[in-house]
Amino acid sequence: MAERKQFLTNMTVDPELAELVRVSRRKPVTQEELHEQRVSFAFGNALEDESVTKDSVRQTSLSARLSLV
C-alpha cells in the first residue's frame, strides 16, 4: 500500500491542545449538547433552501418524532 506523506513526518503536539483533548475525553455529553449535535447534523444535510434555518430545524426537532413502521 502506498505510504501517506502526512504520516511520515514527526509532528509535535501542542501540549495545551493535548491537555484540552485529554480533559474533554472525560467529560460526558449532556442531553442538550447531543440535541444540538443532532440539529447541526440535520441542518447540514438539509436541502439548500432559504426557508431552512438552523432555528427552524431546532423547532422541528422538538415536535418531530420518528415512526417505527
Protein backbone atom coordinates (compact mmCIF):
# COMPACT_ATOMS: atom_id res chain seq x y z
CA MET A 1 0.00 0.00 0.00
CA ALA A 2 1.24 3.48 -0.77
CA GLU A 3 2.67 5.40 2.16
CA ARG A 4 0.89 8.60 3.05
CA LYS A 5 3.05 11.68 3.48
CA GLN A 6 1.09 13.12 6.40
CA PHE A 7 2.00 10.06 8.47
CA LEU A 8 5.70 10.14 7.63
CA THR A 9 6.53 13.41 9.38
CA ASN A 10 7.48 13.80 13.01
CA MET A 11 4.75 16.06 14.28
CA THR A 12 4.95 17.79 17.60
CA VAL A 13 1.75 18.05 19.58
CA ASP A 14 0.86 21.32 21.23
CA PRO A 15 0.83 20.48 24.97
CA GLU A 16 -2.07 22.85 25.65
CA LEU A 17 -4.15 21.23 22.91
CA ALA A 18 -3.23 17.75 24.15
CA GLU A 19 -4.41 18.70 27.64
CA LEU A 20 -7.72 20.03 26.29
CA VAL A 21 -8.29 16.78 24.40
CA ARG A 22 -7.44 14.73 27.50
CA VAL A 23 -9.89 16.71 29.65
CA SER A 24 -12.65 16.58 27.03
CA ARG A 25 -12.46 12.78 26.82
CA ARG A 26 -13.59 12.53 30.43
CA LYS A 27 -16.48 14.99 30.12
CA PRO A 28 -19.82 13.28 29.50
CA VAL A 29 -22.02 14.66 26.73
CA THR A 30 -25.16 16.31 28.08
CA GLN A 31 -28.60 15.82 26.53
CA GLU A 32 -28.55 19.47 25.41
CA GLU A 33 -25.18 19.03 23.65
CA LEU A 34 -26.38 15.83 21.99
CA HIS A 35 -29.54 17.59 20.81
CA GLU A 36 -27.51 20.45 19.32
CA GLN A 37 -25.24 17.94 17.54
CA ARG A 38 -28.32 16.31 16.01
CA VAL A 39 -29.74 19.70 14.98
CA SER A 40 -26.41 20.62 13.40
CA PHE A 41 -26.29 17.29 11.53
CA ALA A 42 -29.85 17.69 10.23
CA PHE A 43 -29.22 21.30 9.19
CA GLY A 44 -26.00 20.37 7.42
CA ASN A 45 -27.78 17.63 5.47
CA ALA A 46 -30.92 19.62 4.63
CA LEU A 47 -31.66 20.63 1.08
CA GLU A 48 -30.39 24.07 0.17
CA ASP A 49 -33.43 26.23 0.75
CA GLU A 50 -33.51 29.70 2.26
CA SER A 51 -36.51 28.73 4.37
CA VAL A 52 -34.48 26.07 6.19
CA THR A 53 -32.57 27.68 9.02
CA LYS A 54 -30.82 26.16 11.99
CA ASP A 55 -33.55 27.60 14.19
CA SER A 56 -36.30 26.05 12.03
CA VAL A 57 -34.56 22.68 12.28
CA ARG A 58 -34.29 23.15 16.04
CA GLN A 59 -38.02 23.95 16.32
CA THR A 60 -38.97 20.98 14.14
CA SER A 61 -36.76 18.68 16.19
CA LEU A 62 -38.85 19.47 19.26
CA SER A 63 -42.05 18.18 17.68
CA ALA A 64 -41.00 15.65 15.02
CA ARG A 65 -40.82 12.01 16.03
CA LEU A 66 -39.71 9.01 14.02
CA SER A 67 -42.29 6.33 13.48
CA LEU A 68 -41.22 2.71 13.60
CA VAL A 69 -43.04 1.20 10.65
